[in-house]
N, C-alpha and C. Protein backbone atom coordinates (compact mmCIF):
# COMPACT_ATOMS: atom_id res chain seq x y z
N MET A 1 3.92 13.70 -9.86
CA MET A 1 3.63 12.59 -8.96
C MET A 1 4.65 11.49 -9.16
N ARG A 2 5.16 10.96 -8.07
CA ARG A 2 6.12 9.86 -8.14
C ARG A 2 5.38 8.53 -8.31
N ARG A 3 6.03 7.57 -8.91
CA ARG A 3 5.46 6.24 -9.02
C ARG A 3 5.50 5.56 -7.66
N THR A 4 4.53 4.66 -7.38
CA THR A 4 4.48 3.95 -6.11
C THR A 4 5.79 3.25 -5.81
N GLY A 5 6.42 2.63 -6.79
CA GLY A 5 7.64 1.90 -6.57
C GLY A 5 8.78 2.75 -6.03
N SER A 6 8.74 4.04 -6.31
CA SER A 6 9.80 4.91 -5.81
C SER A 6 9.41 5.58 -4.50
N THR A 7 8.21 5.34 -4.02
CA THR A 7 7.69 6.01 -2.83
C THR A 7 7.87 5.18 -1.57
N ALA A 8 7.65 3.87 -1.66
CA ALA A 8 7.67 3.02 -0.47
C ALA A 8 8.06 1.61 -0.85
N ARG A 9 8.36 0.83 0.19
CA ARG A 9 8.60 -0.59 -0.02
C ARG A 9 7.90 -1.36 1.10
N VAL A 10 7.56 -2.60 0.81
CA VAL A 10 6.93 -3.47 1.80
C VAL A 10 7.98 -4.47 2.25
N ARG A 11 8.19 -4.54 3.55
CA ARG A 11 9.20 -5.44 4.10
C ARG A 11 8.74 -5.93 5.47
N ASP A 12 8.76 -7.25 5.65
CA ASP A 12 8.46 -7.84 6.96
C ASP A 12 7.19 -7.27 7.59
N HIS A 13 6.10 -7.30 6.84
CA HIS A 13 4.81 -6.84 7.35
C HIS A 13 4.77 -5.34 7.60
N GLN A 14 5.63 -4.58 6.95
CA GLN A 14 5.66 -3.13 7.13
C GLN A 14 5.65 -2.42 5.78
N VAL A 15 4.97 -1.29 5.72
CA VAL A 15 5.09 -0.38 4.58
C VAL A 15 6.04 0.71 5.04
N ILE A 16 7.16 0.84 4.36
CA ILE A 16 8.20 1.79 4.76
C ILE A 16 8.34 2.85 3.66
N TYR A 17 8.08 4.09 4.03
CA TYR A 17 8.19 5.19 3.08
C TYR A 17 9.67 5.51 2.89
N LYS A 18 10.07 5.67 1.63
CA LYS A 18 11.46 6.02 1.32
C LYS A 18 11.72 7.51 1.53
N HIS A 19 10.66 8.33 1.48
CA HIS A 19 10.76 9.77 1.68
C HIS A 19 9.37 10.28 2.01
N PRO A 20 9.25 11.46 2.58
CA PRO A 20 7.92 12.02 2.84
C PRO A 20 7.18 12.28 1.53
N LEU A 21 5.88 12.07 1.55
CA LEU A 21 5.07 12.40 0.39
C LEU A 21 4.95 13.91 0.31
N GLU A 22 4.99 14.44 -0.90
CA GLU A 22 4.94 15.88 -1.10
C GLU A 22 3.91 16.21 -2.17
N GLY A 23 3.32 17.40 -2.08
CA GLY A 23 2.40 17.86 -3.11
C GLY A 23 1.28 16.87 -3.37
N LYS A 24 1.20 16.39 -4.60
CA LYS A 24 0.15 15.45 -4.98
C LYS A 24 0.61 14.00 -4.98
N ASP A 25 1.76 13.71 -4.36
CA ASP A 25 2.22 12.32 -4.23
C ASP A 25 1.16 11.50 -3.52
N ARG A 26 1.05 10.24 -3.89
CA ARG A 26 0.14 9.33 -3.20
C ARG A 26 0.69 7.91 -3.30
N LEU A 27 0.20 7.08 -2.41
CA LEU A 27 0.62 5.68 -2.38
C LEU A 27 -0.63 4.83 -2.25
N ALA A 28 -0.75 3.80 -3.06
CA ALA A 28 -1.87 2.86 -2.98
C ALA A 28 -1.32 1.45 -3.15
N ILE A 29 -1.66 0.57 -2.21
CA ILE A 29 -1.17 -0.80 -2.22
C ILE A 29 -2.33 -1.73 -1.88
N GLN A 30 -2.46 -2.84 -2.59
CA GLN A 30 -3.37 -3.93 -2.22
C GLN A 30 -2.52 -5.02 -1.59
N ILE A 31 -2.87 -5.43 -0.39
CA ILE A 31 -2.12 -6.46 0.32
C ILE A 31 -3.01 -7.70 0.41
N ASN A 32 -2.46 -8.86 0.02
CA ASN A 32 -3.24 -10.10 0.11
C ASN A 32 -2.33 -11.23 0.54
N GLY A 33 -2.85 -12.45 0.52
CA GLY A 33 -2.06 -13.60 0.93
C GLY A 33 -2.26 -13.98 2.38
N PHE A 34 -3.41 -13.62 2.92
CA PHE A 34 -3.70 -13.91 4.32
C PHE A 34 -4.21 -15.34 4.48
N GLY A 35 -4.07 -15.88 5.67
CA GLY A 35 -4.52 -17.23 5.97
C GLY A 35 -6.02 -17.29 6.22
N PRO A 36 -6.54 -18.48 6.49
CA PRO A 36 -7.98 -18.67 6.66
C PRO A 36 -8.50 -18.32 8.06
N ASN A 37 -7.61 -17.87 8.95
CA ASN A 37 -8.02 -17.59 10.33
C ASN A 37 -8.13 -16.09 10.59
N ALA A 38 -8.94 -15.74 11.57
CA ALA A 38 -9.11 -14.34 11.94
C ALA A 38 -7.85 -13.76 12.58
N SER A 39 -6.90 -14.60 12.96
CA SER A 39 -5.69 -14.10 13.62
C SER A 39 -4.88 -13.16 12.73
N ASP A 40 -5.04 -13.25 11.40
CA ASP A 40 -4.36 -12.31 10.50
C ASP A 40 -5.00 -10.93 10.52
N ASN A 41 -6.21 -10.84 11.05
CA ASN A 41 -6.96 -9.59 11.08
C ASN A 41 -6.58 -8.78 12.32
N ASP A 42 -5.31 -8.46 12.43
CA ASP A 42 -4.73 -7.73 13.56
C ASP A 42 -3.70 -6.76 12.97
N ILE A 43 -4.10 -5.51 12.83
CA ILE A 43 -3.31 -4.52 12.09
C ILE A 43 -2.91 -3.37 13.01
N THR A 44 -1.65 -2.99 12.97
CA THR A 44 -1.18 -1.83 13.71
C THR A 44 -0.62 -0.81 12.74
N ILE A 45 -1.04 0.44 12.90
CA ILE A 45 -0.55 1.55 12.09
C ILE A 45 0.21 2.48 13.04
N GLU A 46 1.44 2.82 12.68
CA GLU A 46 2.23 3.71 13.53
C GLU A 46 2.92 4.78 12.68
N ASN A 47 2.88 5.98 13.18
CA ASN A 47 3.72 7.04 12.63
C ASN A 47 4.70 7.37 13.74
N ARG A 48 5.84 6.77 13.70
CA ARG A 48 6.83 6.93 14.78
C ARG A 48 7.36 8.34 14.87
N LYS A 49 7.36 9.05 13.77
CA LYS A 49 7.87 10.41 13.78
C LYS A 49 7.02 11.32 14.66
N VAL A 50 5.71 11.16 14.60
CA VAL A 50 4.81 12.01 15.40
C VAL A 50 4.31 11.31 16.66
N GLY A 51 4.62 10.02 16.81
CA GLY A 51 4.20 9.29 18.01
C GLY A 51 2.72 8.97 18.06
N ALA A 52 2.12 8.70 16.90
CA ALA A 52 0.69 8.38 16.84
C ALA A 52 0.51 7.01 16.21
N GLY A 53 -0.58 6.35 16.54
CA GLY A 53 -0.84 5.04 15.96
C GLY A 53 -2.26 4.58 16.21
N MET A 54 -2.58 3.42 15.64
CA MET A 54 -3.90 2.83 15.79
C MET A 54 -3.76 1.32 15.66
N HIS A 55 -4.58 0.59 16.39
CA HIS A 55 -4.57 -0.87 16.35
C HIS A 55 -5.97 -1.33 15.95
N ILE A 56 -6.06 -2.16 14.91
CA ILE A 56 -7.33 -2.68 14.39
C ILE A 56 -7.31 -4.19 14.56
N VAL A 57 -8.37 -4.75 15.17
CA VAL A 57 -8.50 -6.21 15.31
C VAL A 57 -9.90 -6.59 14.84
N GLY A 58 -9.97 -7.58 13.95
CA GLY A 58 -11.25 -8.06 13.45
C GLY A 58 -11.48 -9.51 13.84
N ASP A 59 -12.73 -9.94 13.76
CA ASP A 59 -13.06 -11.31 14.16
C ASP A 59 -13.36 -12.22 12.97
N HIS A 60 -13.04 -11.77 11.76
CA HIS A 60 -13.22 -12.58 10.55
C HIS A 60 -11.89 -12.64 9.79
N PRO A 61 -11.68 -13.70 9.02
CA PRO A 61 -10.45 -13.78 8.21
C PRO A 61 -10.40 -12.65 7.18
N LEU A 62 -9.21 -12.23 6.83
CA LEU A 62 -9.01 -11.20 5.81
C LEU A 62 -8.89 -11.85 4.43
N THR A 63 -9.38 -11.17 3.41
CA THR A 63 -9.12 -11.61 2.04
C THR A 63 -8.10 -10.69 1.39
N ASN A 64 -8.20 -9.38 1.67
CA ASN A 64 -7.19 -8.41 1.23
C ASN A 64 -7.32 -7.15 2.06
N VAL A 65 -6.32 -6.30 1.95
CA VAL A 65 -6.31 -5.03 2.67
C VAL A 65 -5.90 -3.95 1.67
N GLY A 66 -6.66 -2.89 1.63
CA GLY A 66 -6.29 -1.73 0.83
C GLY A 66 -5.58 -0.72 1.70
N TYR A 67 -4.45 -0.20 1.23
CA TYR A 67 -3.67 0.79 1.94
C TYR A 67 -3.50 1.97 0.99
N TRP A 68 -3.87 3.16 1.46
CA TRP A 68 -3.81 4.33 0.62
C TRP A 68 -3.35 5.52 1.45
N SER A 69 -2.49 6.37 0.91
CA SER A 69 -2.12 7.57 1.64
C SER A 69 -1.73 8.70 0.71
N ILE A 70 -1.92 9.91 1.24
CA ILE A 70 -1.39 11.13 0.66
C ILE A 70 -0.49 11.74 1.72
N ARG A 71 -0.01 12.94 1.55
CA ARG A 71 0.98 13.47 2.49
C ARG A 71 0.43 13.71 3.89
N THR A 72 -0.88 13.89 4.05
CA THR A 72 -1.45 14.20 5.37
C THR A 72 -2.37 13.12 5.93
N VAL A 73 -2.72 12.12 5.15
CA VAL A 73 -3.72 11.13 5.55
C VAL A 73 -3.30 9.75 5.08
N LEU A 74 -3.59 8.73 5.89
CA LEU A 74 -3.48 7.35 5.40
C LEU A 74 -4.69 6.58 5.87
N THR A 75 -5.05 5.57 5.10
CA THR A 75 -6.18 4.73 5.46
C THR A 75 -5.82 3.28 5.18
N VAL A 76 -6.27 2.41 6.07
CA VAL A 76 -6.13 0.97 5.90
C VAL A 76 -7.55 0.42 5.86
N GLN A 77 -7.87 -0.34 4.83
CA GLN A 77 -9.23 -0.83 4.64
C GLN A 77 -9.22 -2.35 4.58
N PRO A 78 -9.42 -3.00 5.77
CA PRO A 78 -9.47 -4.48 5.77
C PRO A 78 -10.73 -4.97 5.08
């Protein structure tokens, strides 16, 4: 298993994978630092390679977001 630091980087509100996850590779990130307004609770997930995505909008302020993925699945947990 690769370390998270060698798997992806966070830049400009994006999680960017450095390479495809393989075997038992996984990525887990806690994202925080959101403001007191619900406007931060607007999340878009895109896999540009396969042309799929999802848009999540909430009506409450965020305190943190959990991001977790393996090679076939990813989840964002506001």
